[in-house]
Amino acid sequence: MQLTGPNGSQQFDKLTKTKTMESILSSLDTKGIGNYIDHLFSQADESEVYVIYLRFSFQALRNLLFL
């Protein structure tokens, strides 16, 4: 959560050219994913919540399709 919090970035992997967040997210169980989504929502204002949800959903779907 600290990598994407106030002192981090939701685009941490892109900015650092790593797969740190991707690795962490891929190892989460259902509860962990829910906690991460809650964290993202808490970091966004209301106008960003829908966009974050869509991006996260599309990325998750893409990852499932191309395993």
PDB file of N, CA and C in Angstrom:
ATOM      1  N   MET A   1       0.818  -1.189   0.000  1.00  0.00           N
ATOM      2  CA  MET A   1       0.000   0.000   0.000  1.00  0.00           C
ATOM      3  C   MET A   1       0.869   1.262   0.000  1.00  0.00           C
ATOM      4  N   GLN A   2       2.037   1.168   0.584  1.00  0.00           N
ATOM      5  CA  GLN A   2       2.891   2.350   0.641  1.00  0.00           C
ATOM      6  C   GLN A   2       3.434   2.728  -0.734  1.00  0.00           C
ATOM      7  N   LEU A   3       3.545   1.770  -1.620  1.00  0.00           N
ATOM      8  CA  LEU A   3       4.051   2.064  -2.963  1.00  0.00           C
ATOM      9  C   LEU A   3       3.058   2.889  -3.773  1.00  0.00           C
ATOM     10  N   THR A   4       1.771   2.789  -3.430  1.00  0.00           N
ATOM     11  CA  THR A   4       0.750   3.523  -4.172  1.00  0.00           C
ATOM     12  C   THR A   4       0.097   4.612  -3.342  1.00  0.00           C
ATOM     13  N   GLY A   5       0.564   4.808  -2.126  1.00  0.00           N
ATOM     14  CA  GLY A   5      -0.032   5.800  -1.223  1.00  0.00           C
ATOM     15  C   GLY A   5       0.399   7.218  -1.535  1.00  0.00           C
ATOM     16  N   PRO A   6       0.259   8.112  -0.548  1.00  0.00           N
ATOM     17  CA  PRO A   6       0.556   9.537  -0.758  1.00  0.00           C
ATOM     18  C   PRO A   6       1.988   9.809  -1.226  1.00  0.00           C
ATOM     19  N   ASN A   7       2.935   8.991  -0.805  1.00  0.00           N
ATOM     20  CA  ASN A   7       4.327   9.188  -1.213  1.00  0.00           C
ATOM     21  C   ASN A   7       4.744   8.270  -2.351  1.00  0.00           C
ATOM     22  N   GLY A   8       3.785   7.520  -2.885  1.00  0.00           N
ATOM     23  CA  GLY A   8       4.062   6.594  -3.978  1.00  0.00           C
ATOM     24  C   GLY A   8       3.308   7.001  -5.222  1.00  0.00           C
ATOM     25  N   SER A   9       3.030   6.028  -6.053  1.00  0.00           N
ATOM     26  CA  SER A   9       2.301   6.287  -7.291  1.00  0.00           C
ATOM     27  C   SER A   9       1.511   5.048  -7.677  1.00  0.00           C
ATOM     28  N   GLN A  10       0.302   5.259  -8.213  1.00  0.00           N
ATOM     29  CA  GLN A  10      -0.481   4.134  -8.706  1.00  0.00           C
ATOM     30  C   GLN A  10       0.163   3.558  -9.960  1.00  0.00           C
ATOM     31  N   GLN A  11       1.111   4.255 -10.528  1.00  0.00           N
ATOM     32  CA  GLN A  11       1.840   3.770 -11.707  1.00  0.00           C
ATOM     33  C   GLN A  11       3.275   3.408 -11.331  1.00  0.00           C
ATOM     34  N   PHE A  12       3.444   2.847 -10.141  1.00  0.00           N
ATOM     35  CA  PHE A  12       4.767   2.540  -9.609  1.00  0.00           C
ATOM     36  C   PHE A  12       5.593   1.697 -10.581  1.00  0.00           C
ATOM     37  N   ASP A  13       5.009   0.612 -11.091  1.00  0.00           N
ATOM     38  CA  ASP A  13       5.759  -0.261 -12.004  1.00  0.00           C
ATOM     39  C   ASP A  13       6.207   0.472 -13.262  1.00  0.00           C
ATOM     40  N   LYS A  14       5.333   1.269 -13.817  1.00  0.00           N
ATOM     41  CA  LYS A  14       5.673   2.006 -15.039  1.00  0.00           C
ATOM     42  C   LYS A  14       6.796   3.008 -14.769  1.00  0.00           C
ATOM     43  N   LEU A  15       6.693   3.719 -13.663  1.00  0.00           N
ATOM     44  CA  LEU A  15       7.693   4.735 -13.345  1.00  0.00           C
ATOM     45  C   LEU A  15       9.051   4.131 -13.018  1.00  0.00           C
ATOM     46  N   THR A  16       9.050   2.979 -12.349  1.00  0.00           N
ATOM     47  CA  THR A  16      10.314   2.357 -11.945  1.00  0.00           C
ATOM     48  C   THR A  16      10.791   1.297 -12.936  1.00  0.00           C
ATOM     49  N   LYS A  17       9.970   1.038 -13.967  1.00  0.00           N
ATOM     50  CA  LYS A  17      10.283   0.025 -14.975  1.00  0.00           C
ATOM     51  C   LYS A  17      10.544  -1.335 -14.324  1.00  0.00           C
ATOM     52  N   THR A  18       9.692  -1.665 -13.340  1.00  0.00           N
ATOM     53  CA  THR A  18       9.755  -2.951 -12.658  1.00  0.00           C
ATOM     54  C   THR A  18       8.387  -3.612 -12.714  1.00  0.00           C
ATOM     55  N   LYS A  19       8.290  -4.777 -12.133  1.00  0.00           N
ATOM     56  CA  LYS A  19       7.016  -5.477 -12.015  1.00  0.00           C
ATOM     57  C   LYS A  19       6.709  -5.741 -10.539  1.00  0.00           C
ATOM     58  N   THR A  20       7.124  -4.821  -9.682  1.00  0.00           N
ATOM     59  CA  THR A  20       6.939  -4.976  -8.247  1.00  0.00           C
ATOM     60  C   THR A  20       5.466  -5.084  -7.884  1.00  0.00           C
ATOM     61  N   MET A  21       4.668  -4.100  -8.285  1.00  0.00           N
ATOM     62  CA  MET A  21       3.240  -4.123  -7.959  1.00  0.00           C
ATOM     63  C   MET A  21       2.556  -5.295  -8.648  1.00  0.00           C
ATOM     64  N   GLU A  22       2.924  -5.581  -9.867  1.00  0.00           N
ATOM     65  CA  GLU A  22       2.330  -6.721 -10.580  1.00  0.00           C
ATOM     66  C   GLU A  22       2.570  -8.012  -9.814  1.00  0.00           C
ATOM     67  N   SER A  23       3.785  -8.193  -9.309  1.00  0.00           N
ATOM     68  CA  SER A  23       4.114  -9.396  -8.540  1.00  0.00           C
ATOM     69  C   SER A  23       3.324  -9.462  -7.247  1.00  0.00           C
ATOM     70  N   ILE A  24       3.227  -8.336  -6.562  1.00  0.00           N
ATOM     71  CA  ILE A  24       2.485  -8.294  -5.302  1.00  0.00           C
ATOM     72  C   ILE A  24       1.015  -8.584  -5.555  1.00  0.00           C
ATOM     73  N   LEU A  25       0.425  -7.917  -6.540  1.00  0.00           N
ATOM     74  CA  LEU A  25      -0.999  -8.094  -6.823  1.00  0.00           C
ATOM     75  C   LEU A  25      -1.313  -9.513  -7.276  1.00  0.00           C
ATOM     76  N   SER A  26      -0.436 -10.120  -8.041  1.00  0.00           N
ATOM     77  CA  SER A  26      -0.709 -11.473  -8.528  1.00  0.00           C
ATOM     78  C   SER A  26      -0.649 -12.502  -7.412  1.00  0.00           C
ATOM     79  N   SER A  27      -0.033 -12.166  -6.295  1.00  0.00           N
ATOM     80  CA  SER A  27       0.055 -13.113  -5.179  1.00  0.00           C
ATOM     81  C   SER A  27      -1.060 -12.923  -4.149  1.00  0.00           C
ATOM     82  N   LEU A  28      -1.920 -11.925  -4.332  1.00  0.00           N
ATOM     83  CA  LEU A  28      -2.979 -11.660  -3.365  1.00  0.00           C
ATOM     84  C   LEU A  28      -4.112 -12.675  -3.479  1.00  0.00           C
ATOM     85  N   ASP A  29      -4.699 -13.003  -2.320  1.00  0.00           N
ATOM     86  CA  ASP A  29      -5.907 -13.811  -2.324  1.00  0.00           C
ATOM     87  C   ASP A  29      -7.109 -12.875  -2.468  1.00  0.00           C
ATOM     88  N   THR A  30      -8.298 -13.439  -2.435  1.00  0.00           N
ATOM     89  CA  THR A  30      -9.512 -12.643  -2.644  1.00  0.00           C
ATOM     90  C   THR A  30      -9.631 -11.513  -1.630  1.00  0.00           C
ATOM     91  N   LYS A  31      -9.352 -11.799  -0.375  1.00  0.00           N
ATOM     92  CA  LYS A  31      -9.433 -10.764   0.660  1.00  0.00           C
ATOM     93  C   LYS A  31      -8.397  -9.666   0.421  1.00  0.00           C
ATOM     94  N   GLY A  32      -7.201 -10.060   0.026  1.00  0.00           N
ATOM     95  CA  GLY A  32      -6.149  -9.083  -0.264  1.00  0.00           C
ATOM     96  C   GLY A  32      -6.497  -8.179  -1.427  1.00  0.00           C
ATOM     97  N   ILE A  33      -7.108  -8.756  -2.454  1.00  0.00           N
ATOM     98  CA  ILE A  33      -7.530  -7.953  -3.602  1.00  0.00           C
ATOM     99  C   ILE A  33      -8.592  -6.948  -3.176  1.00  0.00           C
ATOM    100  N   GLY A  34      -9.537  -7.407  -2.353  1.00  0.00           N
ATOM    101  CA  GLY A  34     -10.571  -6.500  -1.843  1.00  0.00           C
ATOM    102  C   GLY A  34      -9.973  -5.370  -1.029  1.00  0.00           C
ATOM    103  N   ASN A  35      -8.986  -5.691  -0.199  1.00  0.00           N
ATOM    104  CA  ASN A  35      -8.316  -4.662   0.600  1.00  0.00           C
ATOM    105  C   ASN A  35      -7.586  -3.664  -0.294  1.00  0.00           C
ATOM    106  N   TYR A  36      -6.960  -4.156  -1.362  1.00  0.00           N
ATOM    107  CA  TYR A  36      -6.247  -3.262  -2.275  1.00  0.00           C
ATOM    108  C   TYR A  36      -7.222  -2.338  -2.991  1.00  0.00           C
ATOM    109  N   ILE A  37      -8.351  -2.880  -3.431  1.00  0.00           N
ATOM    110  CA  ILE A  37      -9.363  -2.045  -4.080  1.00  0.00           C
ATOM    111  C   ILE A  37      -9.868  -0.979  -3.122  1.00  0.00           C
ATOM    112  N   ASP A  38     -10.125  -1.367  -1.874  1.00  0.00           N
ATOM    113  CA  ASP A  38     -10.546  -0.384  -0.869  1.00  0.00           C
ATOM    114  C   ASP A  38      -9.493   0.700  -0.692  1.00  0.00           C
ATOM    115  N   HIS A  39      -8.228   0.297  -0.697  1.00  0.00           N
ATOM    116  CA  HIS A  39      -7.130   1.264  -0.574  1.00  0.00           C
ATOM    117  C   HIS A  39      -7.123   2.239  -1.749  1.00  0.00           C
ATOM    118  N   LEU A  40      -7.286   1.724  -2.961  1.00  0.00           N
ATOM    119  CA  LEU A  40      -7.321   2.598  -4.139  1.00  0.00           C
ATOM    120  C   LEU A  40      -8.463   3.601  -4.037  1.00  0.00           C
ATOM    121  N   PHE A  41      -9.631   3.116  -3.629  1.00  0.00           N
ATOM    122  CA  PHE A  41     -10.776   4.010  -3.490  1.00  0.00           C
ATOM    123  C   PHE A  41     -10.511   5.082  -2.441  1.00  0.00           C
ATOM    124  N   SER A  42      -9.823   4.730  -1.370  1.00  0.00           N
ATOM    125  CA  SER A  42      -9.556   5.715  -0.317  1.00  0.00           C
ATOM    126  C   SER A  42      -8.572   6.784  -0.775  1.00  0.00           C
ATOM    127  N   GLN A  43      -7.749   6.470  -1.784  1.00  0.00           N
ATOM    128  CA  GLN A  43      -6.768   7.426  -2.295  1.00  0.00           C
ATOM    129  C   GLN A  43      -7.349   8.356  -3.357  1.00  0.00           C
ATOM    130  N   ALA A  44      -8.507   8.016  -3.887  1.00  0.00           N
ATOM    131  CA  ALA A  44      -9.083   8.774  -4.997  1.00  0.00           C
ATOM    132  C   ALA A  44     -10.229   9.655  -4.533  1.00  0.00           C
ATOM    133  N   ASP A  45     -10.431  10.735  -5.255  1.00  0.00           N
ATOM    134  CA  ASP A  45     -11.646  11.501  -5.003  1.00  0.00           C
ATOM    135  C   ASP A  45     -12.773  10.837  -5.790  1.00  0.00           C
ATOM    136  N   GLU A  46     -13.983  11.252  -5.572  1.00  0.00           N
ATOM    137  CA  GLU A  46     -15.141  10.571  -6.153  1.00  0.00           C
ATOM    138  C   GLU A  46     -15.101  10.508  -7.677  1.00  0.00           C
ATOM    139  N   SER A  47     -14.554  11.509  -8.328  1.00  0.00           N
ATOM    140  CA  SER A  47     -14.530  11.509  -9.795  1.00  0.00           C
ATOM    141  C   SER A  47     -13.544  10.486 -10.350  1.00  0.00           C
ATOM    142  N   GLU A  48     -12.561  10.083  -9.552  1.00  0.00           N
ATOM    143  CA  GLU A  48     -11.565   9.122 -10.017  1.00  0.00           C
ATOM    144  C   GLU A  48     -11.934   7.676  -9.723  1.00  0.00           C
ATOM    145  N   VAL A  49     -12.842   7.445  -8.786  1.00  0.00           N
ATOM    146  CA  VAL A  49     -13.142   6.091  -8.342  1.00  0.00           C
ATOM    147  C   VAL A  49     -13.582   5.201  -9.488  1.00  0.00           C
ATOM    148  N   TYR A  50     -14.482   5.670 -10.325  1.00  0.00           N
ATOM    149  CA  TYR A  50     -14.984   4.867 -11.427  1.00  0.00           C
ATOM    150  C   TYR A  50     -13.867   4.527 -12.410  1.00  0.00           C
ATOM    151  N   VAL A  51     -13.015   5.479 -12.716  1.00  0.00           N
ATOM    152  CA  VAL A  51     -11.907   5.251 -13.648  1.00  0.00           C
ATOM    153  C   VAL A  51     -10.941   4.225 -13.072  1.00  0.00           C
ATOM    154  N   ILE A  52     -10.630   4.341 -11.799  1.00  0.00           N
ATOM    155  CA  ILE A  52      -9.731   3.377 -11.157  1.00  0.00           C
ATOM    156  C   ILE A  52     -10.334   1.979 -11.216  1.00  0.00           C
ATOM    157  N   TYR A  53     -11.613   1.887 -10.905  1.00  0.00           N
ATOM    158  CA  TYR A  53     -12.294   0.595 -10.929  1.00  0.00           C
ATOM    159  C   TYR A  53     -12.237  -0.021 -12.322  1.00  0.00           C
ATOM    160  N   LEU A  54     -12.502   0.760 -13.346  1.00  0.00           N
ATOM    161  CA  LEU A  54     -12.466   0.245 -14.714  1.00  0.00           C
ATOM    162  C   LEU A  54     -11.063  -0.204 -15.112  1.00  0.00           C
ATOM    163  N   ARG A  55     -10.072   0.600 -14.812  1.00  0.00           N
ATOM    164  CA  ARG A  55      -8.696   0.237 -15.164  1.00  0.00           C
ATOM    165  C   ARG A  55      -8.278  -1.049 -14.467  1.00  0.00           C
ATOM    166  N   PHE A  56      -8.575  -1.134 -13.186  1.00  0.00           N
ATOM    167  CA  PHE A  56      -8.221  -2.321 -12.409  1.00  0.00           C
ATOM    168  C   PHE A  56      -8.933  -3.547 -12.971  1.00  0.00           C
ATOM    169  N   SER A  57     -10.217  -3.395 -13.289  1.00  0.00           N
ATOM    170  CA  SER A  57     -10.999  -4.509 -13.818  1.00  0.00           C
ATOM    171  C   SER A  57     -10.458  -4.973 -15.161  1.00  0.00           C
ATOM    172  N   PHE A  58     -10.166  -4.028 -16.053  1.00  0.00           N
ATOM    173  CA  PHE A  58      -9.634  -4.395 -17.367  1.00  0.00           C
ATOM    174  C   PHE A  58      -8.255  -5.035 -17.248  1.00  0.00           C
ATOM    175  N   GLN A  59      -7.429  -4.520 -16.359  1.00  0.00           N
ATOM    176  CA  GLN A  59      -6.102  -5.108 -16.181  1.00  0.00           C
ATOM    177  C   GLN A  59      -6.226  -6.523 -15.629  1.00  0.00           C
ATOM    178  N   ALA A  60      -7.100  -6.719 -14.663  1.00  0.00           N
ATOM    179  CA  ALA A  60      -7.294  -8.055 -14.093  1.00  0.00           C
ATOM    180  C   ALA A  60      -7.815  -9.019 -15.158  1.00  0.00           C
ATOM    181  N   LEU A  61      -8.755  -8.573 -15.957  1.00  0.00           N
ATOM    182  CA  LEU A  61      -9.301  -9.404 -17.022  1.00  0.00           C
ATOM    183  C   LEU A  61      -8.228  -9.743 -18.048  1.00  0.00           C
ATOM    184  N   ARG A  62      -7.444  -8.760 -18.420  1.00  0.00           N
ATOM    185  CA  ARG A  62      -6.357  -8.996 -19.380  1.00  0.00           C
ATOM    186  C   ARG A  62      -5.363 -10.016 -18.833  1.00  0.00           C
ATOM    187  N   ASN A  63      -5.032  -9.889 -17.551  1.00  0.00           N
ATOM    188  CA  ASN A  63      -4.094 -10.822 -16.940  1.00  0.00           C
ATOM    189  C   ASN A  63      -4.657 -12.241 -16.920  1.00  0.00           C
ATOM    190  N   LEU A  64      -5.951 -12.367 -16.667  1.00  0.00           N
ATOM    191  CA  LEU A  64      -6.562 -13.699 -16.668  1.00  0.00           C
ATOM    192  C   LEU A  64      -6.569 -14.312 -18.059  1.00  0.00           C
ATOM    193  N   LEU A  65      -6.815 -13.502 -19.062  1.00  0.00           N
ATOM    194  CA  LEU A  65      -6.888 -14.004 -20.429  1.00  0.00           C
ATOM    195  C   LEU A  65      -5.541 -14.413 -20.986  1.00  0.00           C
ATOM    196  N   PHE A  66      -4.475 -13.784 -20.516  1.00  0.00           N
ATOM    197  CA  PHE A  66      -3.145 -14.036 -21.080  1.00  0.00           C
ATOM    198  C   PHE A  66      -2.202 -14.711 -20.103  1.00  0.00           C
ATOM    199  N   LEU A  67      -2.739 -15.557 -19.229  1.00  0.00           N
ATOM    200  CA  LEU A  67      -1.886 -16.292 -18.274  1.00  0.00           C
ATOM    201  C   LEU A  67      -0.956 -17.225 -18.962  1.00  0.00           C
TER     202      LEU A  67
END
